């Protein structure tokens, strides 16, 4: 049986969490919790970008034609 994907992507969840934490805070710089959430968000974004690049390179000339169109 396949693993079920979350209804909402991790990036969206993290963005919401960061937004709520920042509005609740008195200091705009943030604390360790907000910093760690931002790190996790950046990690997810890097993963997504790497996956896109990997798929594009794996497609070869077909991928180049598909992205240009």
N, C-alpha and C. Protein backbone atom coordinates (compact mmCIF):
# COMPACT_ATOMS: atom_id res chain seq x y z
N UNK A 1 0.85 -1.17 0.00
CA UNK A 1 0.00 0.00 0.00
C UNK A 1 0.89 1.24 0.00
N UNK A 2 0.55 2.18 -0.83
CA UNK A 2 1.36 3.39 -0.98
C UNK A 2 1.17 4.32 0.21
N UNK A 3 2.20 5.08 0.46
CA UNK A 3 2.15 6.05 1.55
C UNK A 3 1.29 7.24 1.10
N UNK A 4 0.40 7.68 1.96
CA UNK A 4 -0.50 8.79 1.61
C UNK A 4 0.24 10.11 1.75
N UNK A 5 0.08 10.96 0.75
CA UNK A 5 0.68 12.29 0.80
C UNK A 5 -0.20 13.21 1.63
N UNK A 6 0.41 14.18 2.24
CA UNK A 6 -0.35 15.16 3.01
C UNK A 6 -1.21 15.98 2.06
N UNK A 7 -2.37 16.39 2.53
CA UNK A 7 -3.27 17.19 1.70
C UNK A 7 -2.64 18.54 1.40
N UNK A 8 -1.83 19.03 2.35
CA UNK A 8 -1.18 20.32 2.20
C UNK A 8 0.33 20.10 2.18
N UNK A 9 1.05 20.70 1.24
CA UNK A 9 2.50 20.51 1.20
C UNK A 9 3.19 21.06 2.44
N UNK A 10 4.36 20.51 2.73
CA UNK A 10 5.12 20.92 3.91
C UNK A 10 5.47 22.41 3.85
N UNK A 11 5.79 22.89 2.66
CA UNK A 11 6.15 24.31 2.51
C UNK A 11 5.02 25.21 2.97
N UNK A 12 3.81 24.90 2.56
CA UNK A 12 2.66 25.73 2.93
C UNK A 12 2.44 25.70 4.44
N UNK A 13 2.57 24.53 5.04
CA UNK A 13 2.41 24.40 6.49
C UNK A 13 3.44 25.25 7.21
N UNK A 14 4.70 25.16 6.76
CA UNK A 14 5.77 25.90 7.42
C UNK A 14 5.56 27.40 7.27
N UNK A 15 5.14 27.84 6.09
CA UNK A 15 4.89 29.27 5.88
C UNK A 15 3.81 29.78 6.82
N UNK A 16 2.75 28.98 7.00
CA UNK A 16 1.67 29.38 7.91
C UNK A 16 2.18 29.46 9.35
N UNK A 17 2.97 28.45 9.76
CA UNK A 17 3.49 28.44 11.12
C UNK A 17 4.38 29.65 11.38
N UNK A 18 5.23 29.96 10.41
CA UNK A 18 6.14 31.11 10.56
C UNK A 18 5.33 32.40 10.66
N UNK A 19 4.32 32.54 9.83
CA UNK A 19 3.49 33.74 9.85
C UNK A 19 2.79 33.91 11.19
N UNK A 20 2.24 32.82 11.73
CA UNK A 20 1.53 32.92 13.01
C UNK A 20 2.50 33.20 14.15
N UNK A 21 3.67 32.58 14.11
CA UNK A 21 4.66 32.81 15.18
C UNK A 21 5.14 34.27 15.16
N UNK A 22 5.33 34.81 13.96
CA UNK A 22 5.84 36.17 13.86
C UNK A 22 4.80 37.20 14.29
N UNK A 23 3.52 36.94 14.04
CA UNK A 23 2.49 37.88 14.45
C UNK A 23 2.28 37.83 15.96
N UNK A 24 2.52 36.67 16.58
CA UNK A 24 2.34 36.52 18.02
C UNK A 24 3.49 37.13 18.81
N UNK A 25 4.63 37.33 18.17
CA UNK A 25 5.82 37.78 18.88
C UNK A 25 5.87 39.28 19.09
N UNK A 26 6.57 39.66 20.14
CA UNK A 26 6.78 41.08 20.38
C UNK A 26 8.07 41.55 19.71
N UNK A 27 9.05 40.65 19.59
CA UNK A 27 10.31 41.02 18.95
C UNK A 27 10.28 40.62 17.48
N UNK A 28 10.62 41.52 16.58
CA UNK A 28 10.58 41.19 15.15
C UNK A 28 11.70 40.24 14.72
N UNK A 29 12.81 40.21 15.47
CA UNK A 29 13.95 39.35 15.12
C UNK A 29 13.57 37.88 15.20
N UNK A 30 12.80 37.51 16.21
CA UNK A 30 12.39 36.12 16.35
C UNK A 30 13.22 35.36 17.36
N UNK A 31 12.72 34.23 17.74
CA UNK A 31 13.44 33.39 18.69
C UNK A 31 13.90 32.12 18.01
N UNK A 32 14.36 31.19 18.79
CA UNK A 32 14.91 29.95 18.24
C UNK A 32 13.85 29.15 17.48
N UNK A 33 12.62 29.17 17.96
CA UNK A 33 11.56 28.40 17.29
C UNK A 33 11.31 28.91 15.88
N UNK A 34 11.24 30.23 15.73
CA UNK A 34 11.00 30.81 14.41
C UNK A 34 12.19 30.55 13.50
N UNK A 35 13.39 30.67 14.06
CA UNK A 35 14.60 30.42 13.28
C UNK A 35 14.63 28.99 12.76
N UNK A 36 14.27 28.04 13.62
CA UNK A 36 14.28 26.64 13.19
C UNK A 36 13.20 26.38 12.14
N UNK A 37 12.05 27.05 12.28
CA UNK A 37 11.00 26.89 11.25
C UNK A 37 11.48 27.42 9.91
N UNK A 38 12.18 28.55 9.95
CA UNK A 38 12.71 29.14 8.70
C UNK A 38 13.74 28.21 8.07
N UNK A 39 14.57 27.59 8.90
CA UNK A 39 15.56 26.64 8.39
C UNK A 39 14.88 25.46 7.72
N UNK A 40 13.82 24.94 8.36
CA UNK A 40 13.09 23.81 7.78
C UNK A 40 12.44 24.21 6.46
N UNK A 41 11.92 25.43 6.40
CA UNK A 41 11.30 25.91 5.16
C UNK A 41 12.33 25.98 4.05
N UNK A 42 13.50 26.54 4.35
CA UNK A 42 14.56 26.65 3.34
C UNK A 42 14.99 25.26 2.88
N UNK A 43 15.06 24.30 3.79
CA UNK A 43 15.44 22.93 3.44
C UNK A 43 14.42 22.32 2.48
N UNK A 44 13.14 22.52 2.76
CA UNK A 44 12.08 22.01 1.88
C UNK A 44 12.16 22.65 0.50
N UNK A 45 12.43 23.96 0.46
CA UNK A 45 12.53 24.65 -0.82
C UNK A 45 13.73 24.13 -1.62
N UNK A 46 14.84 23.88 -0.94
CA UNK A 46 16.02 23.32 -1.62
C UNK A 46 15.72 21.94 -2.18
N UNK A 47 15.02 21.12 -1.40
CA UNK A 47 14.64 19.78 -1.86
C UNK A 47 13.80 19.86 -3.12
N UNK A 48 12.81 20.76 -3.11
CA UNK A 48 11.91 20.89 -4.26
C UNK A 48 12.67 21.35 -5.49
N UNK A 49 13.53 22.35 -5.32
CA UNK A 49 14.31 22.85 -6.46
C UNK A 49 15.26 21.79 -7.00
N UNK A 50 15.88 21.02 -6.11
CA UNK A 50 16.79 19.96 -6.54
C UNK A 50 16.04 18.89 -7.32
N UNK A 51 14.84 18.56 -6.87
CA UNK A 51 14.03 17.56 -7.56
C UNK A 51 13.67 18.02 -8.96
N UNK A 52 13.30 19.29 -9.09
CA UNK A 52 12.95 19.84 -10.40
C UNK A 52 14.15 19.77 -11.33
N UNK A 53 15.32 20.17 -10.83
CA UNK A 53 16.54 20.12 -11.65
C UNK A 53 16.89 18.69 -12.06
N UNK A 54 16.74 17.76 -11.10
CA UNK A 54 17.06 16.36 -11.38
C UNK A 54 16.14 15.81 -12.47
N UNK A 55 14.86 16.12 -12.37
CA UNK A 55 13.92 15.65 -13.39
C UNK A 55 14.21 16.28 -14.75
N UNK A 56 14.57 17.55 -14.73
CA UNK A 56 14.87 18.25 -15.98
C UNK A 56 16.09 17.64 -16.67
N UNK A 57 17.12 17.35 -15.87
CA UNK A 57 18.33 16.75 -16.44
C UNK A 57 18.09 15.33 -16.90
N UNK A 58 17.24 14.60 -16.17
CA UNK A 58 16.94 13.21 -16.54
C UNK A 58 16.16 13.15 -17.84
N UNK A 59 15.36 14.17 -18.09
CA UNK A 59 14.57 14.19 -19.32
C UNK A 59 15.44 14.47 -20.54
N UNK A 60 16.59 15.08 -20.34
CA UNK A 60 17.49 15.36 -21.45
C UNK A 60 16.94 16.41 -22.37
N UNK A 61 17.03 16.18 -23.67
CA UNK A 61 16.57 17.18 -24.64
C UNK A 61 15.05 17.32 -24.61
N UNK A 62 14.35 16.26 -24.18
CA UNK A 62 12.89 16.35 -24.06
C UNK A 62 12.53 17.38 -22.99
N UNK A 63 13.29 17.38 -21.89
CA UNK A 63 13.04 18.32 -20.79
C UNK A 63 13.29 19.74 -21.21
N UNK A 64 14.34 19.97 -22.01
CA UNK A 64 14.66 21.31 -22.48
C UNK A 64 13.55 21.83 -23.39
N UNK A 65 13.02 20.96 -24.23
CA UNK A 65 11.95 21.35 -25.14
C UNK A 65 10.66 21.61 -24.37
N UNK A 66 10.41 20.82 -23.35
CA UNK A 66 9.19 20.97 -22.57
C UNK A 66 9.20 22.28 -21.76
N UNK A 67 10.36 22.63 -21.20
CA UNK A 67 10.42 23.86 -20.41
C UNK A 67 10.38 25.10 -21.28
N UNK A 68 10.88 24.99 -22.52
CA UNK A 68 10.88 26.14 -23.43
C UNK A 68 9.48 26.43 -23.96
N UNK A 69 8.67 25.39 -24.05
CA UNK A 69 7.31 25.55 -24.61
C UNK A 69 6.34 26.17 -23.64
